[in-house]
Amino acid sequence: MENTNLKKMVETEMKKRGLLEQEMMDKSSSFVEMISKLRFSIEQTQVYHWQSQLLSEHLALNEYYDGIPDIVDGIVESYQGKYGIQKGYKLFEVRDYSTPEEVINFLKKLDEDIESLRQSVKESYIQNQIDTAVEQIQTTIYKLENLK
């Protein structure tokens, strides 16, 4: 009983000081950053796909940018169902294709970013959806590195 009262008192004090709202803003910001990067990956991999001269790379990138939009849409809709409409999405500049290694490094960096930013999401069902996005990224990396 004492722990419940103490918890309520701490939450009340944190709300007064604006600390709980800041925590939610930080989580929201990390979520929006993660989705912005996933959304950008669709455009970037499509450009890499168009400019690639390797059939295996061309096909692997096609599978990625065809598959990831529905996954990202599901993540956003689940999150917004829980926390409301999110704003502040970012755009990034698309780069031209230069080498197969650049494409692989792009996806590896994306994976690192998603793993870091996903920590702001507590719900297991949304984490499972993020796992599906990471699975798509890792499968594409595998195909780019090994199926030439």
N, C-alpha and C. Protein backbone atom coordinates (compact mmCIF):
# COMPACT_ATOMS: atom_id res chain seq x y z
N MET A 1 0.82 -1.20 0.00
CA MET A 1 0.00 0.00 0.00
C MET A 1 0.86 1.25 0.00
N GLU A 2 1.94 1.24 0.81
CA GLU A 2 2.82 2.41 0.87
C GLU A 2 3.49 2.67 -0.47
N ASN A 3 3.90 1.61 -1.16
CA ASN A 3 4.56 1.77 -2.45
C ASN A 3 3.64 2.43 -3.46
N THR A 4 2.35 2.09 -3.43
CA THR A 4 1.39 2.69 -4.35
C THR A 4 1.25 4.19 -4.08
N ASN A 5 1.14 4.55 -2.83
CA ASN A 5 1.03 5.97 -2.46
C ASN A 5 2.29 6.73 -2.84
N LEU A 6 3.45 6.13 -2.57
CA LEU A 6 4.72 6.78 -2.91
C LEU A 6 4.83 6.98 -4.42
N LYS A 7 4.44 5.97 -5.18
CA LYS A 7 4.49 6.06 -6.63
C LYS A 7 3.60 7.21 -7.13
N LYS A 8 2.39 7.31 -6.59
CA LYS A 8 1.48 8.38 -6.98
C LYS A 8 2.06 9.75 -6.63
N MET A 9 2.67 9.85 -5.45
CA MET A 9 3.27 11.11 -5.04
C MET A 9 4.41 11.51 -5.97
N VAL A 10 5.25 10.55 -6.34
CA VAL A 10 6.38 10.82 -7.24
C VAL A 10 5.85 11.24 -8.61
N GLU A 11 4.86 10.52 -9.14
CA GLU A 11 4.29 10.87 -10.44
C GLU A 11 3.68 12.27 -10.42
N THR A 12 2.97 12.60 -9.33
CA THR A 12 2.37 13.92 -9.21
C THR A 12 3.44 15.00 -9.22
N GLU A 13 4.51 14.78 -8.48
CA GLU A 13 5.60 15.76 -8.43
C GLU A 13 6.30 15.88 -9.78
N MET A 14 6.49 14.75 -10.46
CA MET A 14 7.14 14.78 -11.78
C MET A 14 6.27 15.53 -12.78
N LYS A 15 4.96 15.34 -12.71
CA LYS A 15 4.05 16.07 -13.60
C LYS A 15 4.12 17.56 -13.34
N LYS A 16 4.17 17.93 -12.07
CA LYS A 16 4.27 19.35 -11.71
C LYS A 16 5.51 19.98 -12.32
N ARG A 17 6.58 19.23 -12.32
CA ARG A 17 7.87 19.74 -12.84
C ARG A 17 8.00 19.56 -14.35
N GLY A 18 7.02 18.93 -14.97
CA GLY A 18 7.05 18.76 -16.42
C GLY A 18 7.96 17.64 -16.88
N LEU A 19 8.39 16.77 -15.97
CA LEU A 19 9.34 15.73 -16.33
C LEU A 19 8.69 14.58 -17.09
N LEU A 20 7.48 14.22 -16.78
CA LEU A 20 6.82 13.14 -17.50
C LEU A 20 6.51 13.53 -18.94
N GLU A 21 6.11 14.75 -19.14
CA GLU A 21 5.81 15.21 -20.50
C GLU A 21 7.08 15.23 -21.35
N GLN A 22 8.21 15.64 -20.78
CA GLN A 22 9.47 15.66 -21.51
C GLN A 22 9.88 14.26 -21.91
N GLU A 23 9.68 13.31 -21.01
CA GLU A 23 10.01 11.92 -21.31
C GLU A 23 9.20 11.43 -22.51
N MET A 24 7.90 11.76 -22.55
CA MET A 24 7.06 11.38 -23.68
C MET A 24 7.51 12.06 -24.96
N MET A 25 7.91 13.33 -24.86
CA MET A 25 8.39 14.05 -26.05
C MET A 25 9.66 13.41 -26.58
N ASP A 26 10.57 12.99 -25.67
CA ASP A 26 11.80 12.34 -26.09
C ASP A 26 11.51 11.01 -26.79
N LYS A 27 10.58 10.23 -26.24
CA LYS A 27 10.20 8.96 -26.85
C LYS A 27 9.57 9.20 -28.22
N SER A 28 8.70 10.18 -28.30
CA SER A 28 8.05 10.51 -29.56
C SER A 28 9.07 10.94 -30.60
N SER A 29 10.03 11.76 -30.17
CA SER A 29 11.07 12.23 -31.08
C SER A 29 11.91 11.07 -31.61
N SER A 30 12.27 10.12 -30.74
CA SER A 30 13.04 8.95 -31.17
C SER A 30 12.23 8.09 -32.13
N PHE A 31 10.94 7.95 -31.85
CA PHE A 31 10.08 7.17 -32.73
C PHE A 31 9.99 7.81 -34.11
N VAL A 32 9.75 9.12 -34.13
CA VAL A 32 9.64 9.85 -35.40
C VAL A 32 10.95 9.77 -36.18
N GLU A 33 12.08 9.86 -35.49
CA GLU A 33 13.40 9.73 -36.14
C GLU A 33 13.53 8.33 -36.76
N MET A 34 13.15 7.30 -36.02
CA MET A 34 13.25 5.93 -36.52
C MET A 34 12.38 5.75 -37.78
N ILE A 35 11.16 6.24 -37.73
CA ILE A 35 10.26 6.10 -38.87
C ILE A 35 10.77 6.93 -40.05
N SER A 36 11.31 8.10 -39.78
CA SER A 36 11.87 8.92 -40.86
C SER A 36 12.99 8.17 -41.58
N LYS A 37 13.82 7.49 -40.81
CA LYS A 37 14.93 6.74 -41.42
C LYS A 37 14.42 5.53 -42.21
N LEU A 38 13.45 4.84 -41.65
CA LEU A 38 12.87 3.71 -42.40
C LEU A 38 12.20 4.19 -43.68
N ARG A 39 11.47 5.27 -43.58
CA ARG A 39 10.78 5.83 -44.76
C ARG A 39 11.80 6.25 -45.82
N PHE A 40 12.88 6.89 -45.39
CA PHE A 40 13.93 7.30 -46.31
C PHE A 40 14.57 6.08 -46.99
N SER A 41 14.69 4.99 -46.23
CA SER A 41 15.34 3.80 -46.81
C SER A 41 14.58 3.29 -48.03
N ILE A 42 13.29 3.52 -48.07
CA ILE A 42 12.49 3.10 -49.23
C ILE A 42 12.94 3.87 -50.47
N GLU A 43 13.03 5.18 -50.34
CA GLU A 43 13.44 6.02 -51.48
C GLU A 43 14.89 5.73 -51.88
N GLN A 44 15.78 5.63 -50.87
CA GLN A 44 17.19 5.43 -51.18
C GLN A 44 17.43 4.08 -51.85
N THR A 45 16.81 3.02 -51.35
CA THR A 45 17.03 1.71 -51.96
C THR A 45 16.41 1.62 -53.35
N GLN A 46 15.34 2.38 -53.57
CA GLN A 46 14.76 2.38 -54.91
C GLN A 46 15.71 3.04 -55.91
N VAL A 47 16.36 4.11 -55.50
CA VAL A 47 17.35 4.76 -56.38
C VAL A 47 18.53 3.82 -56.61
N TYR A 48 19.02 3.18 -55.56
CA TYR A 48 20.09 2.19 -55.73
C TYR A 48 19.65 1.09 -56.70
N HIS A 49 18.43 0.63 -56.56
CA HIS A 49 17.87 -0.41 -57.43
C HIS A 49 17.87 0.04 -58.90
N TRP A 50 17.43 1.26 -59.14
CA TRP A 50 17.37 1.77 -60.50
C TRP A 50 18.77 1.90 -61.12
N GLN A 51 19.75 2.22 -60.31
CA GLN A 51 21.09 2.50 -60.82
C GLN A 51 22.03 1.30 -60.77
N SER A 52 21.62 0.23 -60.11
CA SER A 52 22.47 -0.95 -60.00
C SER A 52 22.61 -1.64 -61.36
N GLN A 53 23.79 -2.19 -61.60
CA GLN A 53 24.01 -2.95 -62.82
C GLN A 53 24.23 -4.43 -62.52
N LEU A 54 23.98 -4.81 -61.28
CA LEU A 54 24.10 -6.20 -60.88
C LEU A 54 22.70 -6.78 -60.68
N LEU A 55 22.37 -7.84 -61.38
CA LEU A 55 21.02 -8.40 -61.31
C LEU A 55 20.64 -8.82 -59.89
N SER A 56 21.53 -9.50 -59.19
CA SER A 56 21.20 -9.96 -57.83
C SER A 56 20.93 -8.78 -56.90
N GLU A 57 21.71 -7.74 -57.04
CA GLU A 57 21.52 -6.53 -56.22
C GLU A 57 20.21 -5.84 -56.60
N HIS A 58 19.97 -5.74 -57.88
CA HIS A 58 18.75 -5.15 -58.40
C HIS A 58 17.51 -5.84 -57.82
N LEU A 59 17.52 -7.17 -57.82
CA LEU A 59 16.38 -7.94 -57.33
C LEU A 59 16.23 -7.84 -55.81
N ALA A 60 17.34 -7.91 -55.08
CA ALA A 60 17.29 -7.83 -53.61
C ALA A 60 16.76 -6.47 -53.17
N LEU A 61 17.19 -5.42 -53.82
CA LEU A 61 16.72 -4.07 -53.46
C LEU A 61 15.25 -3.89 -53.82
N ASN A 62 14.83 -4.51 -54.92
CA ASN A 62 13.42 -4.45 -55.30
C ASN A 62 12.55 -5.11 -54.22
N GLU A 63 12.98 -6.25 -53.74
CA GLU A 63 12.23 -6.93 -52.67
C GLU A 63 12.15 -6.05 -51.42
N TYR A 64 13.25 -5.37 -51.11
CA TYR A 64 13.26 -4.52 -49.92
C TYR A 64 12.27 -3.38 -50.05
N TYR A 65 12.40 -2.59 -51.11
CA TYR A 65 11.53 -1.40 -51.18
C TYR A 65 10.08 -1.75 -51.50
N ASP A 66 9.82 -2.94 -52.00
CA ASP A 66 8.44 -3.39 -52.16
C ASP A 66 7.84 -3.85 -50.84
N GLY A 67 8.66 -4.45 -49.98
CA GLY A 67 8.17 -5.04 -48.74
C GLY A 67 8.09 -4.12 -47.55
N ILE A 68 9.01 -3.20 -47.45
CA ILE A 68 9.13 -2.39 -46.23
C ILE A 68 8.01 -1.35 -46.04
N PRO A 69 7.39 -0.78 -47.08
CA PRO A 69 6.37 0.24 -46.83
C PRO A 69 5.20 -0.25 -45.97
N ASP A 70 4.69 -1.44 -46.23
CA ASP A 70 3.57 -1.95 -45.42
C ASP A 70 3.98 -2.20 -43.98
N ILE A 71 5.22 -2.63 -43.79
CA ILE A 71 5.73 -2.86 -42.44
C ILE A 71 5.80 -1.54 -41.68
N VAL A 72 6.36 -0.52 -42.31
CA VAL A 72 6.49 0.80 -41.67
C VAL A 72 5.10 1.37 -41.38
N ASP A 73 4.19 1.22 -42.31
CA ASP A 73 2.83 1.72 -42.11
C ASP A 73 2.18 1.06 -40.89
N GLY A 74 2.38 -0.23 -40.74
CA GLY A 74 1.83 -0.94 -39.59
C GLY A 74 2.42 -0.46 -38.27
N ILE A 75 3.73 -0.21 -38.26
CA ILE A 75 4.39 0.29 -37.06
C ILE A 75 3.80 1.64 -36.66
N VAL A 76 3.70 2.53 -37.63
CA VAL A 76 3.19 3.88 -37.35
C VAL A 76 1.74 3.82 -36.86
N GLU A 77 0.91 3.05 -37.52
CA GLU A 77 -0.49 2.99 -37.11
C GLU A 77 -0.66 2.39 -35.72
N SER A 78 0.13 1.39 -35.38
CA SER A 78 0.07 0.82 -34.03
C SER A 78 0.51 1.83 -32.98
N TYR A 79 1.61 2.51 -33.26
CA TYR A 79 2.14 3.50 -32.31
C TYR A 79 1.15 4.64 -32.13
N GLN A 80 0.60 5.12 -33.23
CA GLN A 80 -0.34 6.24 -33.15
C GLN A 80 -1.65 5.81 -32.51
N GLY A 81 -2.01 4.55 -32.63
CA GLY A 81 -3.18 4.06 -31.93
C GLY A 81 -3.00 4.16 -30.42
N LYS A 82 -1.78 3.98 -29.98
CA LYS A 82 -1.46 4.04 -28.55
C LYS A 82 -1.21 5.48 -28.09
N TYR A 83 -0.46 6.26 -28.88
CA TYR A 83 0.04 7.57 -28.43
C TYR A 83 -0.51 8.76 -29.19
N GLY A 84 -1.30 8.55 -30.20
CA GLY A 84 -1.84 9.66 -30.97
C GLY A 84 -0.97 9.99 -32.18
N ILE A 85 -1.47 10.91 -32.98
CA ILE A 85 -0.81 11.31 -34.21
C ILE A 85 0.56 11.90 -33.91
N GLN A 86 1.57 11.46 -34.66
CA GLN A 86 2.93 11.95 -34.50
C GLN A 86 3.25 12.95 -35.61
N LYS A 87 4.08 13.92 -35.29
CA LYS A 87 4.48 14.94 -36.27
C LYS A 87 5.99 15.15 -36.20
N GLY A 88 6.49 15.85 -37.20
CA GLY A 88 7.91 16.21 -37.21
C GLY A 88 8.79 15.25 -38.00
N TYR A 89 8.20 14.51 -38.91
CA TYR A 89 9.00 13.59 -39.72
C TYR A 89 10.02 14.36 -40.55
N LYS A 90 11.17 13.72 -40.77
CA LYS A 90 12.28 14.37 -41.48
C LYS A 90 12.47 13.77 -42.87
N LEU A 91 13.03 14.57 -43.74
CA LEU A 91 13.42 14.12 -45.07
C LEU A 91 14.94 14.13 -45.15
N PHE A 92 15.48 13.22 -45.94
CA PHE A 92 16.93 13.13 -46.13
C PHE A 92 17.22 13.17 -47.63
N GLU A 93 18.41 13.58 -47.96
CA GLU A 93 18.79 13.69 -49.37
C GLU A 93 19.21 12.33 -49.92
N VAL A 94 18.62 11.95 -51.02
CA VAL A 94 18.93 10.69 -51.69
C VAL A 94 20.26 10.82 -52.42
N ARG A 95 21.06 9.77 -52.34
CA ARG A 95 22.37 9.75 -53.00
C ARG A 95 22.33 8.81 -54.21
N ASP A 96 23.15 9.10 -55.18
CA ASP A 96 23.29 8.21 -56.32
C ASP A 96 24.12 6.99 -55.92
N TYR A 97 23.88 5.91 -56.63
CA TYR A 97 24.62 4.66 -56.45
C TYR A 97 26.09 4.87 -56.81
N SER A 98 26.97 4.30 -55.99
CA SER A 98 28.38 4.33 -56.38
C SER A 98 28.99 2.93 -56.38
N THR A 99 28.79 2.17 -55.29
CA THR A 99 29.37 0.82 -55.22
C THR A 99 28.42 -0.12 -54.47
N PRO A 100 28.59 -1.42 -54.68
CA PRO A 100 27.80 -2.39 -53.89
C PRO A 100 28.06 -2.24 -52.38
N GLU A 101 29.29 -1.93 -52.01
CA GLU A 101 29.64 -1.77 -50.60
C GLU A 101 28.88 -0.60 -49.97
N GLU A 102 28.67 0.46 -50.75
CA GLU A 102 27.92 1.61 -50.25
C GLU A 102 26.49 1.20 -49.90
N VAL A 103 25.89 0.38 -50.73
CA VAL A 103 24.52 -0.07 -50.51
C VAL A 103 24.46 -0.90 -49.23
N ILE A 104 25.37 -1.84 -49.09
CA ILE A 104 25.42 -2.69 -47.90
C ILE A 104 25.66 -1.84 -46.65
N ASN A 105 26.59 -0.92 -46.73
CA ASN A 105 26.88 -0.05 -45.58
C ASN A 105 25.68 0.83 -45.21
N PHE A 106 24.93 1.27 -46.22
CA PHE A 106 23.72 2.05 -45.96
C PHE A 106 22.74 1.22 -45.12
N LEU A 107 22.52 -0.03 -45.51
CA LEU A 107 21.57 -0.88 -44.80
C LEU A 107 22.09 -1.27 -43.41
N LYS A 108 23.39 -1.47 -43.28
CA LYS A 108 23.96 -1.79 -41.96
C LYS A 108 23.82 -0.60 -41.01
N LYS A 109 24.04 0.59 -41.51
CA LYS A 109 23.87 1.80 -40.70
C LYS A 109 22.41 1.97 -40.32
N LEU A 110 21.51 1.71 -41.25
CA LEU A 110 20.08 1.78 -40.97
C LEU A 110 19.73 0.82 -39.84
N ASP A 111 20.24 -0.40 -39.91
CA ASP A 111 19.99 -1.39 -38.86
C ASP A 111 20.48 -0.89 -37.50
N GLU A 112 21.68 -0.33 -37.46
CA GLU A 112 22.22 0.23 -36.20
C GLU A 112 21.32 1.33 -35.66
N ASP A 113 20.89 2.21 -36.54
CA ASP A 113 20.03 3.32 -36.12
C ASP A 113 18.69 2.81 -35.58
N ILE A 114 18.11 1.84 -36.25
CA ILE A 114 16.82 1.31 -35.81
C ILE A 114 16.98 0.63 -34.46
N GLU A 115 18.03 -0.15 -34.29
CA GLU A 115 18.27 -0.83 -33.01
C GLU A 115 18.42 0.18 -31.88
N SER A 116 19.06 1.28 -32.14
CA SER A 116 19.24 2.31 -31.12
C SER A 116 17.93 3.06 -30.83
N LEU A 117 17.24 3.46 -31.86
CA LEU A 117 16.03 4.29 -31.70
C LEU A 117 14.82 3.50 -31.20
N ARG A 118 14.79 2.21 -31.43
CA ARG A 118 13.63 1.40 -31.02
C ARG A 118 13.50 1.28 -29.51
N GLN A 119 14.54 1.66 -28.79
CA GLN A 119 14.51 1.56 -27.33
C GLN A 119 13.43 2.46 -26.72
N SER A 120 12.96 3.43 -27.49
CA SER A 120 11.92 4.33 -26.99
C SER A 120 10.54 3.67 -26.98
N VAL A 121 10.41 2.52 -27.61
CA VAL A 121 9.12 1.83 -27.71
C VAL A 121 9.09 0.71 -26.68
N LYS A 122 8.09 0.73 -25.81
CA LYS A 122 7.98 -0.28 -24.76
C LYS A 122 7.12 -1.48 -25.18
N GLU A 123 6.10 -1.24 -25.95
CA GLU A 123 5.10 -2.25 -26.24
C GLU A 123 5.67 -3.40 -27.08
N SER A 124 5.45 -4.61 -26.61
CA SER A 124 6.00 -5.78 -27.30
C SER A 124 5.41 -5.95 -28.70
N TYR A 125 4.14 -5.63 -28.88
CA TYR A 125 3.53 -5.81 -30.19
C TYR A 125 4.12 -4.85 -31.22
N ILE A 126 4.52 -3.65 -30.79
CA ILE A 126 5.18 -2.72 -31.71
C ILE A 126 6.63 -3.15 -31.92
N GLN A 127 7.27 -3.64 -30.86
CA GLN A 127 8.63 -4.17 -31.00
C GLN A 127 8.64 -5.33 -32.00
N ASN A 128 7.60 -6.15 -31.98
CA ASN A 128 7.51 -7.26 -32.94
C ASN A 128 7.43 -6.75 -34.37
N GLN A 129 6.70 -5.66 -34.57
CA GLN A 129 6.61 -5.07 -35.91
C GLN A 129 7.97 -4.50 -36.32
N ILE A 130 8.67 -3.88 -35.37
CA ILE A 130 10.01 -3.36 -35.66
C ILE A 130 10.94 -4.52 -35.99
N ASP A 131 10.78 -5.65 -35.28
CA ASP A 131 11.56 -6.85 -35.60
C ASP A 131 11.37 -7.26 -37.06
N THR A 132 10.16 -7.14 -37.55
CA THR A 132 9.88 -7.50 -38.95
C THR A 132 10.63 -6.57 -39.90
N ALA A 133 10.70 -5.28 -39.55
CA ALA A 133 11.46 -4.33 -40.37
C ALA A 133 12.95 -4.69 -40.35
N VAL A 134 13.46 -5.01 -39.17
CA VAL A 134 14.88 -5.38 -39.04
C VAL A 134 15.14 -6.68 -39.81
N GLU A 135 14.20 -7.60 -39.75
CA GLU A 135 14.32 -8.84 -40.52
C GLU A 135 14.44 -8.54 -42.01
N GLN A 136 13.64 -7.61 -42.51
CA GLN A 136 13.71 -7.22 -43.93
C GLN A 136 15.07 -6.61 -44.26
N ILE A 137 15.58 -5.78 -43.37
CA ILE A 137 16.90 -5.16 -43.57
C ILE A 137 17.98 -6.24 -43.60
N GLN A 138 17.97 -7.13 -42.61
CA GLN A 138 19.01 -8.16 -42.51
C GLN A 138 18.94 -9.16 -43.66
N THR A 139 17.74 -9.52 -44.09
CA THR A 139 17.59 -10.42 -45.23
C THR A 139 18.18 -9.79 -46.48
N THR A 140 17.95 -8.51 -46.65
CA THR A 140 18.49 -7.80 -47.82
C THR A 140 20.02 -7.74 -47.74
N ILE A 141 20.55 -7.47 -46.57
CA ILE A 141 22.02 -7.46 -46.41
C ILE A 141 22.58 -8.82 -46.76
N TYR A 142 21.95 -9.88 -46.27
CA TYR A 142 22.40 -11.24 -46.58
C TYR A 142 22.44 -11.47 -48.09
N LYS A 143 21.37 -11.10 -48.77
CA LYS A 143 21.30 -11.32 -50.22
C LYS A 143 22.35 -10.50 -50.96
N LEU A 144 22.57 -9.28 -50.51
CA LEU A 144 23.57 -8.43 -51.17
C LEU A 144 24.99 -8.94 -50.96
N GLU A 145 25.24 -9.50 -49.79
CA GLU A 145 26.59 -9.96 -49.49
C GLU A 145 26.88 -11.35 -50.02
N ASN A 146 25.86 -12.21 -50.14
CA ASN A 146 26.11 -13.61 -50.41
C ASN A 146 25.52 -14.16 -51.70
N LEU A 147 24.55 -13.51 -52.27
CA LEU A 147 23.89 -14.05 -53.47
C LEU A 147 24.24 -13.19 -54.68
N LYS A 148 25.45 -13.31 -55.12
CA LYS A 148 25.93 -12.50 -56.24
C LYS A 148 25.96 -13.29 -57.52
